[in-house]
PDB file of all heavy atoms in Angstrom:
ATOM      1  N   GLN A   1       0.824  -1.200   0.000  1.00  0.00           N
ATOM      2  CA  GLN A   1       0.000   0.000   0.000  1.00  0.00           C
ATOM      3  C   GLN A   1       0.864   1.259   0.000  1.00  0.00           C
ATOM      4  O   GLN A   1       0.578   2.228  -0.714  1.00  0.00           O
ATOM      5  CB  GLN A   1      -0.926   0.002   1.214  1.00  0.00           C
ATOM      6  CG  GLN A   1      -1.976  -1.098   1.184  1.00  0.00           C
ATOM      7  CD  GLN A   1      -2.961  -0.961   2.322  1.00  0.00           C
ATOM      8  OE1 GLN A   1      -3.708   0.004   2.400  1.00  0.00           O
ATOM      9  NE2 GLN A   1      -2.956  -1.922   3.231  1.00  0.00           N
ATOM     10  N   VAL A   2       1.927   1.230   0.787  1.00  0.00           N
ATOM     11  CA  VAL A   2       2.832   2.384   0.839  1.00  0.00           C
ATOM     12  C   VAL A   2       3.488   2.617  -0.517  1.00  0.00           C
ATOM     13  O   VAL A   2       3.648   3.760  -0.962  1.00  0.00           O
ATOM     14  CB  VAL A   2       3.910   2.186   1.923  1.00  0.00           C
ATOM     15  CG1 VAL A   2       4.975   3.276   1.844  1.00  0.00           C
ATOM     16  CG2 VAL A   2       3.267   2.181   3.309  1.00  0.00           C
ATOM     17  N   LYS A   3       3.842   1.531  -1.202  1.00  0.00           N
ATOM     18  CA  LYS A   3       4.470   1.640  -2.520  1.00  0.00           C
ATOM     19  C   LYS A   3       3.540   2.335  -3.517  1.00  0.00           C
ATOM     20  O   LYS A   3       3.959   3.204  -4.280  1.00  0.00           O
ATOM     21  CB  LYS A   3       4.851   0.250  -3.029  1.00  0.00           C
ATOM     22  CG  LYS A   3       5.591   0.272  -4.360  1.00  0.00           C
ATOM     23  CD  LYS A   3       5.969  -1.137  -4.793  1.00  0.00           C
ATOM     24  CE  LYS A   3       6.685  -1.097  -6.154  1.00  0.00           C
ATOM     25  NZ  LYS A   3       7.061  -2.469  -6.609  1.00  0.00           N
ATOM     26  N   VAL A   4       2.260   1.960  -3.501  1.00  0.00           N
ATOM     27  CA  VAL A   4       1.283   2.589  -4.399  1.00  0.00           C
ATOM     28  C   VAL A   4       1.106   4.064  -4.033  1.00  0.00           C
ATOM     29  O   VAL A   4       1.066   4.950  -4.904  1.00  0.00           O
ATOM     30  CB  VAL A   4      -0.072   1.861  -4.320  1.00  0.00           C
ATOM     31  CG1 VAL A   4      -1.150   2.632  -5.088  1.00  0.00           C
ATOM     32  CG2 VAL A   4       0.052   0.448  -4.860  1.00  0.00           C
ATOM     33  N   ALA A   5       1.010   4.354  -2.742  1.00  0.00           N
ATOM     34  CA  ALA A   5       0.727   5.710  -2.292  1.00  0.00           C
ATOM     35  C   ALA A   5       1.861   6.681  -2.594  1.00  0.00           C
ATOM     36  O   ALA A   5       1.616   7.872  -2.792  1.00  0.00           O
ATOM     37  CB  ALA A   5       0.438   5.713  -0.784  1.00  0.00           C
ATOM     38  N   THR A   6       3.078   6.191  -2.628  1.00  0.00           N
ATOM     39  CA  THR A   6       4.217   7.098  -2.750  1.00  0.00           C
ATOM     40  C   THR A   6       4.824   7.138  -4.147  1.00  0.00           C
ATOM     41  O   THR A   6       5.868   7.760  -4.349  1.00  0.00           O
ATOM     42  CB  THR A   6       5.314   6.699  -1.741  1.00  0.00           C
ATOM     43  OG1 THR A   6       5.654   5.313  -1.918  1.00  0.00           O
ATOM     44  CG2 THR A   6       4.842   6.915  -0.317  1.00  0.00           C
ATOM     45  N   GLU A   7       4.187   6.520  -5.133  1.00  0.00           N
ATOM     46  CA  GLU A   7       4.712   6.617  -6.486  1.00  0.00           C
ATOM     47  C   GLU A   7       4.418   7.995  -7.078  1.00  0.00           C
ATOM     48  O   GLU A   7       3.619   8.772  -6.538  1.00  0.00           O
ATOM     49  CB  GLU A   7       4.139   5.522  -7.376  1.00  0.00           C
ATOM     50  CG  GLU A   7       2.658   5.650  -7.646  1.00  0.00           C
ATOM     51  CD  GLU A   7       2.167   4.595  -8.629  1.00  0.00           C
ATOM     52  OE1 GLU A   7       2.967   3.727  -9.006  1.00  0.00           O
ATOM     53  OE2 GLU A   7       0.995   4.663  -9.012  1.00  0.00           O
ATOM     54  N   LYS A   8       5.041   8.292  -8.213  1.00  0.00           N
ATOM     55  CA  LYS A   8       5.002   9.630  -8.807  1.00  0.00           C
ATOM     56  C   LYS A   8       3.586  10.124  -9.076  1.00  0.00           C
ATOM     57  O   LYS A   8       3.232  11.257  -8.719  1.00  0.00           O
ATOM     58  CB  LYS A   8       5.811   9.613 -10.103  1.00  0.00           C
ATOM     59  CG  LYS A   8       5.860  10.938 -10.843  1.00  0.00           C
ATOM     60  CD  LYS A   8       6.725  10.819 -12.095  1.00  0.00           C
ATOM     61  CE  LYS A   8       6.108   9.880 -13.108  1.00  0.00           C
ATOM     62  NZ  LYS A   8       6.885   9.838 -14.382  1.00  0.00           N
ATOM     63  N   GLU A   9       2.748   9.287  -9.690  1.00  0.00           N
ATOM     64  CA  GLU A   9       1.396   9.736 -10.060  1.00  0.00           C
ATOM     65  C   GLU A   9       0.572  10.073  -8.829  1.00  0.00           C
ATOM     66  O   GLU A   9      -0.243  11.006  -8.845  1.00  0.00           O
ATOM     67  CB  GLU A   9       0.694   8.656 -10.878  1.00  0.00           C
ATOM     68  CG  GLU A   9      -0.445   9.170 -11.735  1.00  0.00           C
ATOM     69  CD  GLU A   9       0.038  10.156 -12.787  1.00  0.00           C
ATOM     70  OE1 GLU A   9       0.999   9.840 -13.508  1.00  0.00           O
ATOM     71  OE2 GLU A   9      -0.560  11.250 -12.878  1.00  0.00           O
ATOM     72  N   SER A  10       0.767   9.329  -7.764  1.00  0.00           N
ATOM     73  CA  SER A  10       0.047   9.603  -6.522  1.00  0.00           C
ATOM     74  C   SER A  10       0.403  10.988  -5.981  1.00  0.00           C
ATOM     75  O   SER A  10      -0.470  11.726  -5.502  1.00  0.00           O
ATOM     76  CB  SER A  10       0.374   8.531  -5.484  1.00  0.00           C
ATOM     77  OG  SER A  10      -0.236   8.826  -4.249  1.00  0.00           O
ATOM     78  N   TRP A  11       1.672  11.358  -6.067  1.00  0.00           N
ATOM     79  CA  TRP A  11       2.084  12.686  -5.586  1.00  0.00           C
ATOM     80  C   TRP A  11       1.504  13.794  -6.467  1.00  0.00           C
ATOM     81  O   TRP A  11       1.111  14.860  -5.967  1.00  0.00           O
ATOM     82  CB  TRP A  11       3.608  12.783  -5.554  1.00  0.00           C
ATOM     83  CG  TRP A  11       4.223  12.040  -4.405  1.00  0.00           C
ATOM     84  CD1 TRP A  11       4.921  10.871  -4.456  1.00  0.00           C
ATOM     85  CD2 TRP A  11       4.160  12.404  -3.018  1.00  0.00           C
ATOM     86  NE1 TRP A  11       5.302  10.484  -3.197  1.00  0.00           N
ATOM     87  CE2 TRP A  11       4.859  11.403  -2.290  1.00  0.00           C
ATOM     88  CE3 TRP A  11       3.585  13.465  -2.317  1.00  0.00           C
ATOM     89  CZ2 TRP A  11       4.997  11.442  -0.911  1.00  0.00           C
ATOM     90  CZ3 TRP A  11       3.726  13.504  -0.940  1.00  0.00           C
ATOM     91  CH2 TRP A  11       4.419  12.504  -0.244  1.00  0.00           C
ATOM     92  N   TYR A  12       1.443  13.562  -7.786  1.00  0.00           N
ATOM     93  CA  TYR A  12       0.838  14.567  -8.673  1.00  0.00           C
ATOM     94  C   TYR A  12      -0.623  14.806  -8.304  1.00  0.00           C
ATOM     95  O   TYR A  12      -1.081  15.954  -8.179  1.00  0.00           O
ATOM     96  CB  TYR A  12       0.917  14.102 -10.132  1.00  0.00           C
ATOM     97  CG  TYR A  12       2.303  14.068 -10.725  1.00  0.00           C
ATOM     98  CD1 TYR A  12       2.600  13.241 -11.813  1.00  0.00           C
ATOM     99  CD2 TYR A  12       3.330  14.867 -10.220  1.00  0.00           C
ATOM    100  CE1 TYR A  12       3.864  13.200 -12.370  1.00  0.00           C
ATOM    101  CE2 TYR A  12       4.604  14.834 -10.770  1.00  0.00           C
ATOM    102  CZ  TYR A  12       4.869  14.000 -11.833  1.00  0.00           C
ATOM    103  OH  TYR A  12       6.119  13.969 -12.383  1.00  0.00           O
ATOM    104  N   LEU A  13      -1.363  13.713  -8.146  1.00  0.00           N
ATOM    105  CA  LEU A  13      -2.784  13.833  -7.815  1.00  0.00           C
ATOM    106  C   LEU A  13      -2.978  14.435  -6.425  1.00  0.00           C
ATOM    107  O   LEU A  13      -3.916  15.203  -6.198  1.00  0.00           O
ATOM    108  CB  LEU A  13      -3.446  12.457  -7.900  1.00  0.00           C
ATOM    109  CG  LEU A  13      -3.517  11.862  -9.318  1.00  0.00           C
ATOM    110  CD1 LEU A  13      -3.827  10.377  -9.267  1.00  0.00           C
ATOM    111  CD2 LEU A  13      -4.543  12.602 -10.160  1.00  0.00           C
ATOM    112  N   SER A  14      -2.082  14.097  -5.508  1.00  0.00           N
ATOM    113  CA  SER A  14      -2.165  14.668  -4.160  1.00  0.00           C
ATOM    114  C   SER A  14      -1.945  16.171  -4.186  1.00  0.00           C
ATOM    115  O   SER A  14      -2.580  16.919  -3.432  1.00  0.00           O
ATOM    116  CB  SER A  14      -1.125  14.003  -3.247  1.00  0.00           C
ATOM    117  OG  SER A  14      -1.397  12.632  -3.070  1.00  0.00           O
ATOM    118  N   ALA A  15      -1.046  16.632  -5.052  1.00  0.00           N
ATOM    119  CA  ALA A  15      -0.784  18.066  -5.162  1.00  0.00           C
ATOM    120  C   ALA A  15      -2.031  18.812  -5.649  1.00  0.00           C
ATOM    121  O   ALA A  15      -2.386  19.877  -5.116  1.00  0.00           O
ATOM    122  CB  ALA A  15       0.390  18.317  -6.100  1.00  0.00           C
ATOM    123  N   LEU A  16      -2.706  18.252  -6.652  1.00  0.00           N
ATOM    124  CA  LEU A  16      -3.924  18.899  -7.154  1.00  0.00           C
ATOM    125  C   LEU A  16      -5.030  18.872  -6.106  1.00  0.00           C
ATOM    126  O   LEU A  16      -5.772  19.857  -5.936  1.00  0.00           O
ATOM    127  CB  LEU A  16      -4.399  18.191  -8.434  1.00  0.00           C
ATOM    128  CG  LEU A  16      -3.475  18.296  -9.652  1.00  0.00           C
ATOM    129  CD1 LEU A  16      -4.086  17.541 -10.831  1.00  0.00           C
ATOM    130  CD2 LEU A  16      -3.222  19.749 -10.021  1.00  0.00           C
ATOM    131  N   TYR A  17      -5.149  17.752  -5.403  1.00  0.00           N
ATOM    132  CA  TYR A  17      -6.177  17.649  -4.376  1.00  0.00           C
ATOM    133  C   TYR A  17      -5.874  18.581  -3.203  1.00  0.00           C
ATOM    134  O   TYR A  17      -6.789  19.101  -2.558  1.00  0.00           O
ATOM    135  CB  TYR A  17      -6.289  16.201  -3.904  1.00  0.00           C
ATOM    136  CG  TYR A  17      -7.514  15.920  -3.068  1.00  0.00           C
ATOM    137  CD1 TYR A  17      -8.787  16.191  -3.570  1.00  0.00           C
ATOM    138  CD2 TYR A  17      -7.408  15.378  -1.798  1.00  0.00           C
ATOM    139  CE1 TYR A  17      -9.913  15.928  -2.813  1.00  0.00           C
ATOM    140  CE2 TYR A  17      -8.528  15.110  -1.034  1.00  0.00           C
ATOM    141  CZ  TYR A  17      -9.781  15.387  -1.546  1.00  0.00           C
ATOM    142  OH  TYR A  17     -10.891  15.137  -0.791  1.00  0.00           O
ATOM    143  N   THR A  18      -4.589  18.800  -2.938  1.00  0.00           N
ATOM    144  CA  THR A  18      -4.203  19.747  -1.894  1.00  0.00           C
ATOM    145  C   THR A  18      -4.702  21.144  -2.228  1.00  0.00           C
ATOM    146  O   THR A  18      -5.159  21.884  -1.346  1.00  0.00           O
ATOM    147  CB  THR A  18      -2.670  19.772  -1.726  1.00  0.00           C
ATOM    148  OG1 THR A  18      -2.231  18.487  -1.290  1.00  0.00           O
ATOM    149  CG2 THR A  18      -2.238  20.812  -0.709  1.00  0.00           C
ATOM    150  N   ALA A  19      -4.624  21.500  -3.504  1.00  0.00           N
ATOM    151  CA  ALA A  19      -5.045  22.838  -3.926  1.00  0.00           C
ATOM    152  C   ALA A  19      -6.551  23.036  -3.835  1.00  0.00           C
ATOM    153  O   ALA A  19      -7.024  24.176  -3.747  1.00  0.00           O
ATOM    154  CB  ALA A  19      -4.573  23.106  -5.354  1.00  0.00           C
ATOM    155  N   THR A  20      -7.323  21.947  -3.846  1.00  0.00           N
ATOM    156  CA  THR A  20      -8.781  22.090  -3.780  1.00  0.00           C
ATOM    157  C   THR A  20      -9.312  21.748  -2.386  1.00  0.00           C
ATOM    158  O   THR A  20      -9.905  22.583  -1.717  1.00  0.00           O
ATOM    159  CB  THR A  20      -9.449  21.198  -4.838  1.00  0.00           C
ATOM    160  OG1 THR A  20      -9.017  19.836  -4.672  1.00  0.00           O
ATOM    161  CG2 THR A  20      -9.096  21.660  -6.226  1.00  0.00           C
ATOM    162  N   PHE A  21      -9.067  20.511  -1.930  1.00  0.00           N
ATOM    163  CA  PHE A  21      -9.545  20.135  -0.603  1.00  0.00           C
ATOM    164  C   PHE A  21      -8.788  20.891   0.490  1.00  0.00           C
ATOM    165  O   PHE A  21      -9.374  21.325   1.483  1.00  0.00           O
ATOM    166  CB  PHE A  21      -9.389  18.626  -0.391  1.00  0.00           C
ATOM    167  CG  PHE A  21      -9.848  18.168   0.968  1.00  0.00           C
ATOM    168  CD1 PHE A  21     -11.200  18.030   1.241  1.00  0.00           C
ATOM    169  CD2 PHE A  21      -8.940  17.903   1.977  1.00  0.00           C
ATOM    170  CE1 PHE A  21     -11.631  17.630   2.498  1.00  0.00           C
ATOM    171  CE2 PHE A  21      -9.357  17.496   3.229  1.00  0.00           C
ATOM    172  CZ  PHE A  21     -10.712  17.362   3.494  1.00  0.00           C
ATOM    173  N   GLY A  22      -7.473  21.056   0.313  1.00  0.00           N
ATOM    174  CA  GLY A  22      -6.696  21.827   1.289  1.00  0.00           C
ATOM    175  C   GLY A  22      -7.203  23.254   1.387  1.00  0.00           C
ATOM    176  O   GLY A  22      -7.299  23.820   2.477  1.00  0.00           O
ATOM    177  N   ALA A  23      -7.552  23.832   0.223  1.00  0.00           N
ATOM    178  CA  ALA A  23      -8.102  25.193   0.228  1.00  0.00           C
ATOM    179  C   ALA A  23      -9.470  25.222   0.902  1.00  0.00           C
ATOM    180  O   ALA A  23      -9.789  26.157   1.650  1.00  0.00           O
ATOM    181  CB  ALA A  23      -8.203  25.710  -1.205  1.00  0.00           C
ATOM    182  N   TYR A  24     -10.286  24.198   0.631  1.00  0.00           N
ATOM    183  CA  TYR A  24     -11.620  24.145   1.233  1.00  0.00           C
ATOM    184  C   TYR A  24     -11.545  24.130   2.760  1.00  0.00           C
ATOM    185  O   TYR A  24     -12.150  24.968   3.434  1.00  0.00           O
ATOM    186  CB  TYR A  24     -12.358  22.908   0.713  1.00  0.00           C
ATOM    187  CG  TYR A  24     -13.535  22.496   1.557  1.00  0.00           C
ATOM    188  CD1 TYR A  24     -14.613  23.350   1.738  1.00  0.00           C
ATOM    189  CD2 TYR A  24     -13.561  21.251   2.189  1.00  0.00           C
ATOM    190  CE1 TYR A  24     -15.699  22.979   2.522  1.00  0.00           C
ATOM    191  CE2 TYR A  24     -14.634  20.870   2.962  1.00  0.00           C
ATOM    192  CZ  TYR A  24     -15.697  21.732   3.129  1.00  0.00           C
ATOM    193  OH  TYR A  24     -16.752  21.364   3.914  1.00  0.00           O
ATOM    194  N   ILE A  25     -10.799  23.181   3.318  1.00  0.00           N
ATOM    195  CA  ILE A  25     -10.712  23.083   4.771  1.00  0.00           C
ATOM    196  C   ILE A  25      -9.970  24.286   5.355  1.00  0.00           C
ATOM    197  O   ILE A  25     -10.360  24.828   6.388  1.00  0.00           O
ATOM    198  CB  ILE A  25     -10.010  21.773   5.174  1.00  0.00           C
ATOM    199  CG1 ILE A  25     -10.880  20.570   4.806  1.00  0.00           C
ATOM    200  CG2 ILE A  25      -9.713  21.757   6.666  1.00  0.00           C
ATOM    201  CD1 ILE A  25     -12.189  20.489   5.578  1.00  0.00           C
ATOM    202  N   GLY A  26      -8.898  24.711   4.695  1.00  0.00           N
ATOM    203  CA  GLY A  26      -8.127  25.840   5.202  1.00  0.00           C
ATOM    204  C   GLY A  26      -8.921  27.134   5.220  1.00  0.00           C
ATOM    205  O   GLY A  26      -8.940  27.853   6.227  1.00  0.00           O
ATOM    206  N   PHE A  27      -9.605  27.431   4.101  1.00  0.00           N
ATOM    207  CA  PHE A  27     -10.436  28.642   4.056  1.00  0.00           C
ATOM    208  C   PHE A  27     -11.596  28.548   5.040  1.00  0.00           C
ATOM    209  O   PHE A  27     -11.943  29.527   5.705  1.00  0.00           O
ATOM    210  CB  PHE A  27     -10.971  28.867   2.641  1.00  0.00           C
ATOM    211  CG  PHE A  27      -9.979  29.445   1.683  1.00  0.00           C
ATOM    212  CD1 PHE A  27      -9.806  28.901   0.415  1.00  0.00           C
ATOM    213  CD2 PHE A  27      -9.198  30.533   2.038  1.00  0.00           C
ATOM    214  CE1 PHE A  27      -8.881  29.431  -0.471  1.00  0.00           C
ATOM    215  CE2 PHE A  27      -8.269  31.079   1.153  1.00  0.00           C
ATOM    216  CZ  PHE A  27      -8.111  30.519  -0.104  1.00  0.00           C
ATOM    217  N   ALA A  28     -12.222  27.369   5.124  1.00  0.00           N
ATOM    218  CA  ALA A  28     -13.343  27.202   6.048  1.00  0.00           C
ATOM    219  C   ALA A  28     -12.901  27.412   7.496  1.00  0.00           C
ATOM    220  O   ALA A  28     -13.651  27.966   8.306  1.00  0.00           O
ATOM    221  CB  ALA A  28     -13.958  25.813   5.881  1.00  0.00           C
ATOM    222  N   SER A  29     -11.688  26.993   7.822  1.00  0.00           N
ATOM    223  CA  SER A  29     -11.174  27.160   9.183  1.00  0.00           C
ATOM    224  C   SER A  29     -10.826  28.615   9.485  1.00  0.00           C
ATOM    225  O   SER A  29     -11.061  29.103  10.585  1.00  0.00           O
ATOM    226  CB  SER A  29      -9.925  26.290   9.382  1.00  0.00           C
ATOM    227  OG  SER A  29     -10.229  24.932   9.217  1.00  0.00           O
ATOM    228  N   ALA A  30     -10.254  29.294   8.498  1.00  0.00           N
ATOM    229  CA  ALA A  30      -9.740  30.645   8.737  1.00  0.00           C
ATOM    230  C   ALA A  30     -10.799  31.733   8.600  1.00  0.00           C
ATOM    231  O   ALA A  30     -10.699  32.777   9.248  1.00  0.00           O
ATOM    232  CB  ALA A  30      -8.586  30.928   7.774  1.00  0.00           C
ATOM    233  N   PHE A  31     -11.821  31.520   7.766  1.00  0.00           N
ATOM    234  CA  PHE A  31     -12.720  32.604   7.412  1.00  0.00           C
ATOM    235  C   PHE A  31     -13.577  33.152   8.559  1.00  0.00           C
ATOM    236  O   PHE A  31     -13.809  34.355   8.615  1.00  0.00           O
ATOM    237  CB  PHE A  31     -13.605  32.209   6.231  1.00  0.00           C
ATOM    238  CG  PHE A  31     -13.113  32.772   4.927  1.00  0.00           C
ATOM    239  CD1 PHE A  31     -12.463  31.966   4.006  1.00  0.00           C
ATOM    240  CD2 PHE A  31     -13.276  34.105   4.624  1.00  0.00           C
ATOM    241  CE1 PHE A  31     -11.990  32.474   2.812  1.00  0.00           C
ATOM    242  CE2 PHE A  31     -12.814  34.636   3.433  1.00  0.00           C
ATOM    243  CZ  PHE A  31     -12.163  33.816   2.517  1.00  0.00           C
ATOM    244  N   PRO A  32     -14.094  32.326   9.478  1.00  0.00           N
ATOM    245  CA  PRO A  32     -14.886  32.951  10.553  1.00  0.00           C
ATOM    246  C   PRO A  32     -14.113  34.023  11.325  1.00  0.00           C
ATOM    247  O   PRO A  32     -14.615  35.137  11.528  1.00  0.00           O
ATOM    248  CB  PRO A  32     -15.234  31.749  11.452  1.00  0.00           C
ATOM    249  CG  PRO A  32     -15.258  30.587  10.522  1.00  0.00           C
ATOM    250  CD  PRO A  32     -14.153  30.855   9.548  1.00  0.00           C
ATOM    251  N   TYR A  33     -12.889  33.706  11.722  1.00  0.00           N
ATOM    252  CA  TYR A  33     -12.095  34.694  12.444  1.00  0.00           C
ATOM    253  C   TYR A  33     -11.644  35.826  11.512  1.00  0.00           C
ATOM    254  O   TYR A  33     -11.633  37.000  11.901  1.00  0.00           O
ATOM    255  CB  TYR A  33     -10.881  34.029  13.091  1.00  0.00           C
ATOM    256  CG  TYR A  33     -10.033  34.984  13.893  1.00  0.00           C
ATOM    257  CD1 TYR A  33     -10.573  35.667  14.984  1.00  0.00           C
ATOM    258  CD2 TYR A  33      -8.716  35.231  13.548  1.00  0.00           C
ATOM    259  CE1 TYR A  33      -9.814  36.562  15.714  1.00  0.00           C
ATOM    260  CE2 TYR A  33      -7.941  36.126  14.270  1.00  0.00           C
ATOM    261  CZ  TYR A  33      -8.498  36.788  15.347  1.00  0.00           C
ATOM    262  OH  TYR A  33      -7.745  37.687  16.067  1.00  0.00           O
ATOM    263  N   LEU A  34     -11.307  35.498  10.265  1.00  0.00           N
ATOM    264  CA  LEU A  34     -10.892  36.523   9.298  1.00  0.00           C
ATOM    265  C   LEU A  34     -12.013  37.528   9.060  1.00  0.00           C
ATOM    266  O   LEU A  34     -11.783  38.748   9.022  1.00  0.00           O
ATOM    267  CB  LEU A  34     -10.501  35.846   7.987  1.00  0.00           C
ATOM    268  CG  LEU A  34      -9.935  36.749   6.890  1.00  0.00           C
ATOM    269  CD1 LEU A  34      -8.517  37.191   7.238  1.00  0.00           C
ATOM    270  CD2 LEU A  34      -9.932  36.024   5.542  1.00  0.00           C
ATOM    271  N   MET A  35     -13.234  37.043   8.911  1.00  0.00           N
ATOM    272  CA  MET A  35     -14.367  37.934   8.682  1.00  0.00           C
ATOM    273  C   MET A  35     -14.626  38.820   9.888  1.00  0.00           C
ATOM    274  O   MET A  35     -14.951  40.005   9.751  1.00  0.00           O
ATOM    275  CB  MET A  35     -15.610  37.107   8.333  1.00  0.00           C
ATOM    276  CG  MET A  35     -15.513  36.426   6.975  1.00  0.00           C
ATOM    277  SD  MET A  35     -16.825  35.224   6.666  1.00  0.00           S
ATOM    278  CE  MET A  35     -18.228  36.310   6.420  1.00  0.00           C
ATOM    279  N   SER A  36     -14.476  38.279  11.084  1.00  0.00           N
ATOM    280  CA  SER A  36     -14.690  39.088  12.290  1.00  0.00           C
ATOM    281  C   SER A  36     -13.651  40.202  12.404  1.00  0.00           C
ATOM    282  O   SER A  36     -13.939  41.266  12.948  1.00  0.00           O
ATOM    283  CB  SER A  36     -14.652  38.204  13.544  1.00  0.00           C
ATOM    284  OG  SER A  36     -13.342  37.740  13.806  1.00  0.00           O
ATOM    285  N   ARG A  37     -12.458  39.966  11.875  1.00  0.00           N
ATOM    286  CA  ARG A  37     -11.414  40.996  11.913  1.00  0.00           C
ATOM    287  C   ARG A  37     -11.685  42.115  10.916  1.00  0.00           C
ATOM    288  O   ARG A  37     -11.528  43.294  11.230  1.00  0.00           O
ATOM    289  CB  ARG A  37     -10.044  40.365  11.625  1.00  0.00           C
ATOM    290  CG  ARG A  37      -9.434  39.683  12.842  1.00  0.00           C
ATOM    291  CD  ARG A  37      -8.107  39.031  12.509  1.00  0.00           C
ATOM    292  NE  ARG A  37      -7.136  39.930  11.910  1.00  0.00           N
ATOM    293  CZ  ARG A  37      -6.420  40.828  12.575  1.00  0.00           C
ATOM    294  NH1 ARG A  37      -6.586  40.974  13.883  1.00  0.00           N
ATOM    295  NH2 ARG A  37      -5.541  41.587  11.945  1.00  0.00           N
TER     296      ARG A  37
END
């Protein structure tokens, strides 16, 4: 499982998912306090 997860294509897809899901959770976490400021 580790071998599949750490191959090149997995890292490419993880990078794209980071930009979407990472942005979703990150913005959702930061925005309530950001808006209050």
